[in-house]
Amino acid sequence: MNAEAYLGFGANLGNPTQTFSQACERMEGFAEILGFSKLYRSKPYGFADQPSFVNAAARIRTTLSPKELLTKLQETERALGKKVIRENGPRVIDLDLLLYEDLVLDTNELQLPHPGILERDFVLRPLLDLNPELTHPNWSGTSIKQALEGIETSFLLEETDEPLDRPDGSQD
């Protein structure tokens, strides 16, 4: 089965744009990247005493199940040097499975849609680049665009003009 999913990218250590490119390159074996958002700089969420983050999102197609996809994303994070020292703390890379088709899932390992999407502008804004009318059955008809308009606490600082180098040499 070919499934469409949305991924969140975040990093605040090292060179996030280079790390995002490396993550995309590693994903080629298990996902087709259909679109990649602009890059956004944001204030840290949760633990404030750390560098600002760079955030982005990707729309992908995969034949993997949600659990298999999560496992591959975690393997990619580890291969790129992710070490979790504290929850919401600094990191070289963070890859989140945000949405997988219209699936609703709530297990110890994986929740879909990813919790907190509708309250976090640093997740919503990149998703808006990919599909402004994106919605999910769990959201009572609320689109990404509507959720972003109603956001109360903003973490976004700016859109970055730094292009993402693609493995094929092209830039976004």
C-alpha atoms as a PDB file:
ATOM      1  CA  MET A   1       0.000   0.000   0.000  1.00  0.00           C
ATOM      2  CA  ASN A   2       1.214   3.491  -0.816  1.00  0.00           C
ATOM      3  CA  ALA A   3       0.426   5.865   2.032  1.00  0.00           C
ATOM      4  CA  GLU A   4       0.897   9.607   2.272  1.00  0.00           C
ATOM      5  CA  ALA A   5       2.351  11.011   5.476  1.00  0.00           C
ATOM      6  CA  TYR A   6       3.650  14.310   6.836  1.00  0.00           C
ATOM      7  CA  LEU A   7       6.880  14.588   8.804  1.00  0.00           C
ATOM      8  CA  GLY A   8       8.176  17.347  11.064  1.00  0.00           C
ATOM      9  CA  PHE A   9      11.873  18.284  11.071  1.00  0.00           C
ATOM     10  CA  GLY A  10      13.551  20.214  13.879  1.00  0.00           C
ATOM     11  CA  ALA A  11      17.116  20.940  14.988  1.00  0.00           C
ATOM     12  CA  ASN A  12      19.066  23.507  16.977  1.00  0.00           C
ATOM     13  CA  LEU A  13      22.571  22.028  17.109  1.00  0.00           C
ATOM     14  CA  GLY A  14      25.126  21.731  14.329  1.00  0.00           C
ATOM     15  CA  ASN A  15      24.029  22.780  10.840  1.00  0.00           C
ATOM     16  CA  PRO A  16      20.273  22.085  10.644  1.00  0.00           C
ATOM     17  CA  THR A  17      19.947  22.614   6.886  1.00  0.00           C
ATOM     18  CA  GLN A  18      22.778  20.187   6.200  1.00  0.00           C
ATOM     19  CA  THR A  19      21.341  17.690   8.690  1.00  0.00           C
ATOM     20  CA  PHE A  20      17.871  17.964   7.096  1.00  0.00           C
ATOM     21  CA  SER A  21      19.448  17.267   3.691  1.00  0.00           C
ATOM     22  CA  GLN A  22      21.234  14.228   5.089  1.00  0.00           C
ATOM     23  CA  ALA A  23      17.974  13.002   6.630  1.00  0.00           C
ATOM     24  CA  CYS A  24      16.205  13.345   3.260  1.00  0.00           C
ATOM     25  CA  GLU A  25      19.001  11.413   1.585  1.00  0.00           C
ATOM     26  CA  ARG A  26      18.709   8.590   4.137  1.00  0.00           C
ATOM     27  CA  MET A  27      14.918   8.484   3.651  1.00  0.00           C
ATOM     28  CA  GLU A  28      15.248   7.692  -0.044  1.00  0.00           C
ATOM     29  CA  GLY A  29      15.309   3.976   0.783  1.00  0.00           C
ATOM     30  CA  PHE A  30      11.885   4.008   2.456  1.00  0.00           C
ATOM     31  CA  ALA A  31      10.043   7.168   1.403  1.00  0.00           C
ATOM     32  CA  GLU A  32       9.467   9.331  -1.642  1.00  0.00           C
ATOM     33  CA  ILE A  33       9.591  13.018  -0.726  1.00  0.00           C
ATOM     34  CA  LEU A  34       6.666  14.719  -2.474  1.00  0.00           C
ATOM     35  CA  GLY A  35       7.269  18.179  -1.026  1.00  0.00           C
ATOM     36  CA  PHE A  36       9.434  20.035   1.461  1.00  0.00           C
ATOM     37  CA  SER A  37       8.431  23.255   3.232  1.00  0.00           C
ATOM     38  CA  LYS A  38      10.434  26.416   3.670  1.00  0.00           C
ATOM     39  CA  LEU A  39      12.682  26.536   6.730  1.00  0.00           C
ATOM     40  CA  TYR A  40      11.572  28.470   9.806  1.00  0.00           C
ATOM     41  CA  ARG A  41      13.522  29.645  12.829  1.00  0.00           C
ATOM     42  CA  SER A  42      11.635  29.360  16.116  1.00  0.00           C
ATOM     43  CA  LYS A  43      12.071  29.899  19.825  1.00  0.00           C
ATOM     44  CA  PRO A  44      12.632  26.722  21.848  1.00  0.00           C
ATOM     45  CA  TYR A  45       9.497  24.945  23.028  1.00  0.00           C
ATOM     46  CA  GLY A  46       9.511  23.712  26.613  1.00  0.00           C
ATOM     47  CA  PHE A  47      13.105  24.169  27.771  1.00  0.00           C
ATOM     48  CA  ALA A  48      13.855  27.831  26.934  1.00  0.00           C
ATOM     49  CA  ASP A  49      17.581  28.044  27.785  1.00  0.00           C
ATOM     50  CA  GLN A  50      18.915  26.724  24.470  1.00  0.00           C
ATOM     51  CA  PRO A  51      19.551  27.949  20.907  1.00  0.00           C
ATOM     52  CA  SER A  52      16.652  28.699  18.571  1.00  0.00           C
ATOM     53  CA  PHE A  53      15.409  25.873  16.348  1.00  0.00           C
ATOM     54  CA  VAL A  54      15.091  25.475  12.611  1.00  0.00           C
ATOM     55  CA  ASN A  55      11.842  23.719  11.677  1.00  0.00           C
ATOM     56  CA  ALA A  56      10.426  22.311   8.464  1.00  0.00           C
ATOM     57  CA  ALA A  57       7.985  19.673   7.220  1.00  0.00           C
ATOM     58  CA  ALA A  58       7.895  17.131   4.423  1.00  0.00           C
ATOM     59  CA  ARG A  59       5.078  15.360   2.616  1.00  0.00           C
ATOM     60  CA  ILE A  60       6.080  11.805   1.750  1.00  0.00           C
ATOM     61  CA  ARG A  61       4.774   8.629   0.158  1.00  0.00           C
ATOM     62  CA  THR A  62       5.764   5.288   1.681  1.00  0.00           C
ATOM     63  CA  THR A  63       4.885   1.609   1.608  1.00  0.00           C
ATOM     64  CA  LEU A  64       5.788   1.239   5.292  1.00  0.00           C
ATOM     65  CA  SER A  65       3.223   0.937   8.065  1.00  0.00           C
ATOM     66  CA  PRO A  66       3.154   3.805  10.599  1.00  0.00           C
ATOM     67  CA  LYS A  67       5.139   1.757  13.138  1.00  0.00           C
ATOM     68  CA  GLU A  68       7.718   0.713  10.526  1.00  0.00           C
ATOM     69  CA  LEU A  69       8.018   4.335   9.380  1.00  0.00           C
ATOM     70  CA  LEU A  70       8.527   5.527  12.959  1.00  0.00           C
ATOM     71  CA  THR A  71      11.267   2.922  13.429  1.00  0.00           C
ATOM     72  CA  LYS A  72      13.032   4.079  10.236  1.00  0.00           C
ATOM     73  CA  LEU A  73      12.784   7.734  11.328  1.00  0.00           C
ATOM     74  CA  GLN A  74      14.295   6.869  14.714  1.00  0.00           C
ATOM     75  CA  GLU A  75      17.108   4.942  13.002  1.00  0.00           C
ATOM     76  CA  THR A  76      17.742   7.992  10.803  1.00  0.00           C
ATOM     77  CA  GLU A  77      17.889  10.259  13.862  1.00  0.00           C
ATOM     78  CA  ARG A  78      20.406   7.990  15.584  1.00  0.00           C
ATOM     79  CA  ALA A  79      22.534   7.709  12.428  1.00  0.00           C
ATOM     80  CA  LEU A  80      22.684  11.518  12.288  1.00  0.00           C
ATOM     81  CA  GLY A  81      23.801  11.781  15.921  1.00  0.00           C
ATOM     82  CA  LYS A  82      20.623  12.474  17.892  1.00  0.00           C
ATOM     83  CA  LYS A  83      21.051  12.091  21.632  1.00  0.00           C
ATOM     84  CA  VAL A  84      18.219  13.070  23.966  1.00  0.00           C
ATOM     85  CA  ILE A  85      19.663  14.661  27.087  1.00  0.00           C
ATOM     86  CA  ARG A  86      16.386  16.188  28.263  1.00  0.00           C
ATOM     87  CA  GLU A  87      12.862  16.298  26.873  1.00  0.00           C
ATOM     88  CA  ASN A  88      12.428  19.302  24.545  1.00  0.00           C
ATOM     89  CA  GLY A  89      16.150  19.985  24.947  1.00  0.00           C
ATOM     90  CA  PRO A  90      18.796  20.765  22.317  1.00  0.00           C
ATOM     91  CA  ARG A  91      19.189  18.290  19.474  1.00  0.00           C
ATOM     92  CA  VAL A  92      20.997  17.699  16.205  1.00  0.00           C
ATOM     93  CA  ILE A  93      17.814  16.355  14.575  1.00  0.00           C
ATOM     94  CA  ASP A  94      14.229  15.608  15.522  1.00  0.00           C
ATOM     95  CA  LEU A  95      12.001  13.766  13.058  1.00  0.00           C
ATOM     96  CA  ASP A  96       8.323  13.488  13.962  1.00  0.00           C
ATOM     97  CA  LEU A  97       5.650  11.463  12.209  1.00  0.00           C
ATOM     98  CA  LEU A  98       2.879  14.065  12.258  1.00  0.00           C
ATOM     99  CA  LEU A  99       0.169  12.506  10.094  1.00  0.00           C
ATOM    100  CA  TYR A 100      -0.255   9.211   8.276  1.00  0.00           C
ATOM    101  CA  GLU A 101      -3.231   9.334   5.904  1.00  0.00           C
ATOM    102  CA  ASP A 102      -6.343   9.871   8.066  1.00  0.00           C
ATOM    103  CA  LEU A 103      -5.205   7.319  10.607  1.00  0.00           C
ATOM    104  CA  VAL A 104      -5.954   7.774  14.300  1.00  0.00           C
ATOM    105  CA  LEU A 105      -3.593   5.814  16.526  1.00  0.00           C
ATOM    106  CA  ASP A 106      -2.874   5.987  20.253  1.00  0.00           C
ATOM    107  CA  THR A 107      -0.225   3.562  21.505  1.00  0.00           C
ATOM    108  CA  ASN A 108       2.710   3.907  23.887  1.00  0.00           C
ATOM    109  CA  GLU A 109       5.082   4.249  20.916  1.00  0.00           C
ATOM    110  CA  LEU A 110       3.047   6.351  18.507  1.00  0.00           C
ATOM    111  CA  GLN A 111       0.160   8.799  18.514  1.00  0.00           C
ATOM    112  CA  LEU A 112      -1.444   9.944  15.265  1.00  0.00           C
ATOM    113  CA  PRO A 113      -2.100  12.665  14.562  1.00  0.00           C
ATOM    114  CA  HIS A 114       0.961  13.802  16.505  1.00  0.00           C
ATOM    115  CA  PRO A 115      -0.242  15.485  19.724  1.00  0.00           C
ATOM    116  CA  GLY A 116       0.039  19.250  19.874  1.00  0.00           C
ATOM    117  CA  ILE A 117       0.083  19.925  16.120  1.00  0.00           C
ATOM    118  CA  LEU A 118      -2.799  22.391  16.294  1.00  0.00           C
ATOM    119  CA  GLU A 119      -1.182  24.442  19.099  1.00  0.00           C
ATOM    120  CA  ARG A 120       2.342  24.751  17.672  1.00  0.00           C
ATOM    121  CA  ASP A 121       2.927  27.346  14.984  1.00  0.00           C
ATOM    122  CA  PHE A 122       6.413  25.975  14.299  1.00  0.00           C
ATOM    123  CA  VAL A 123       4.682  22.766  13.120  1.00  0.00           C
ATOM    124  CA  LEU A 124       1.648  24.391  11.478  1.00  0.00           C
ATOM    125  CA  ARG A 125       3.517  26.965   9.366  1.00  0.00           C
ATOM    126  CA  PRO A 126       5.685  24.421   7.522  1.00  0.00           C
ATOM    127  CA  LEU A 127       2.608  22.207   6.997  1.00  0.00           C
ATOM    128  CA  LEU A 128       0.794  25.231   5.553  1.00  0.00           C
ATOM    129  CA  ASP A 129       3.496  25.464   2.875  1.00  0.00           C
ATOM    130  CA  LEU A 130       2.713  21.900   1.838  1.00  0.00           C
ATOM    131  CA  ASN A 131      -1.097  21.946   1.996  1.00  0.00           C
ATOM    132  CA  PRO A 132      -3.049  24.933   3.417  1.00  0.00           C
ATOM    133  CA  GLU A 133      -6.325  22.990   3.432  1.00  0.00           C
ATOM    134  CA  LEU A 134      -4.853  19.939   5.155  1.00  0.00           C
ATOM    135  CA  THR A 135      -7.206  18.569   7.784  1.00  0.00           C
ATOM    136  CA  HIS A 136      -7.729  15.367   9.732  1.00  0.00           C
ATOM    137  CA  PRO A 137     -10.935  13.655  10.919  1.00  0.00           C
ATOM    138  CA  ASN A 138      -9.822  14.144  14.541  1.00  0.00           C
ATOM    139  CA  TRP A 139      -9.730  17.921  14.100  1.00  0.00           C
ATOM    140  CA  SER A 140     -13.487  18.494  13.619  1.00  0.00           C
ATOM    141  CA  GLY A 141     -12.984  20.042  10.190  1.00  0.00           C
ATOM    142  CA  THR A 142     -10.272  22.491  11.300  1.00  0.00           C
ATOM    143  CA  SER A 143      -7.668  23.030   8.589  1.00  0.00           C
ATOM    144  CA  ILE A 144      -3.994  23.796   9.161  1.00  0.00           C
ATOM    145  CA  LYS A 145      -4.661  27.337   7.930  1.00  0.00           C
ATOM    146  CA  GLN A 146      -7.535  27.862  10.398  1.00  0.00           C
ATOM    147  CA  ALA A 147      -5.517  26.430  13.278  1.00  0.00           C
ATOM    148  CA  LEU A 148      -2.598  28.749  12.510  1.00  0.00           C
ATOM    149  CA  GLU A 149      -4.908  31.790  12.442  1.00  0.00           C
ATOM    150  CA  GLY A 150      -6.179  30.889  15.924  1.00  0.00           C
ATOM    151  CA  ILE A 151      -2.814  30.228  17.543  1.00  0.00           C
ATOM    152  CA  GLU A 152      -2.351  32.003  20.884  1.00  0.00           C
ATOM    153  CA  THR A 153       1.344  31.518  21.681  1.00  0.00           C
ATOM    154  CA  SER A 154       3.791  32.085  18.847  1.00  0.00           C
ATOM    155  CA  PHE A 155       7.209  30.455  18.770  1.00  0.00           C
ATOM    156  CA  LEU A 156       8.061  31.401  15.185  1.00  0.00           C
ATOM    157  CA  LEU A 157      10.783  33.993  14.804  1.00  0.00           C
ATOM    158  CA  GLU A 158      11.321  34.147  11.039  1.00  0.00           C
ATOM    159  CA  GLU A 159      11.341  32.332   7.752  1.00  0.00           C
ATOM    160  CA  THR A 160      14.932  31.548   6.880  1.00  0.00           C
ATOM    161  CA  ASP A 161      16.306  32.301   3.453  1.00  0.00           C
ATOM    162  CA  GLU A 162      18.759  29.425   3.725  1.00  0.00           C
ATOM    163  CA  PRO A 163      18.000  26.894   0.967  1.00  0.00           C
ATOM    164  CA  LEU A 164      17.863  23.202   1.729  1.00  0.00           C
ATOM    165  CA  ASP A 165      20.453  21.366  -0.342  1.00  0.00           C
ATOM    166  CA  ARG A 166      18.883  18.264  -1.826  1.00  0.00           C
ATOM    167  CA  PRO A 167      20.840  15.059  -2.321  1.00  0.00           C
ATOM    168  CA  ASP A 168      20.337  15.432  -6.092  1.00  0.00           C
ATOM    169  CA  GLY A 169      22.080  18.838  -6.013  1.00  0.00           C
ATOM    170  CA  SER A 170      18.899  20.905  -6.386  1.00  0.00           C
ATOM    171  CA  GLN A 171      17.795  23.419  -3.783  1.00  0.00           C
ATOM    172  CA  ASP A 172      14.417  24.277  -2.283  1.00  0.00           C
END
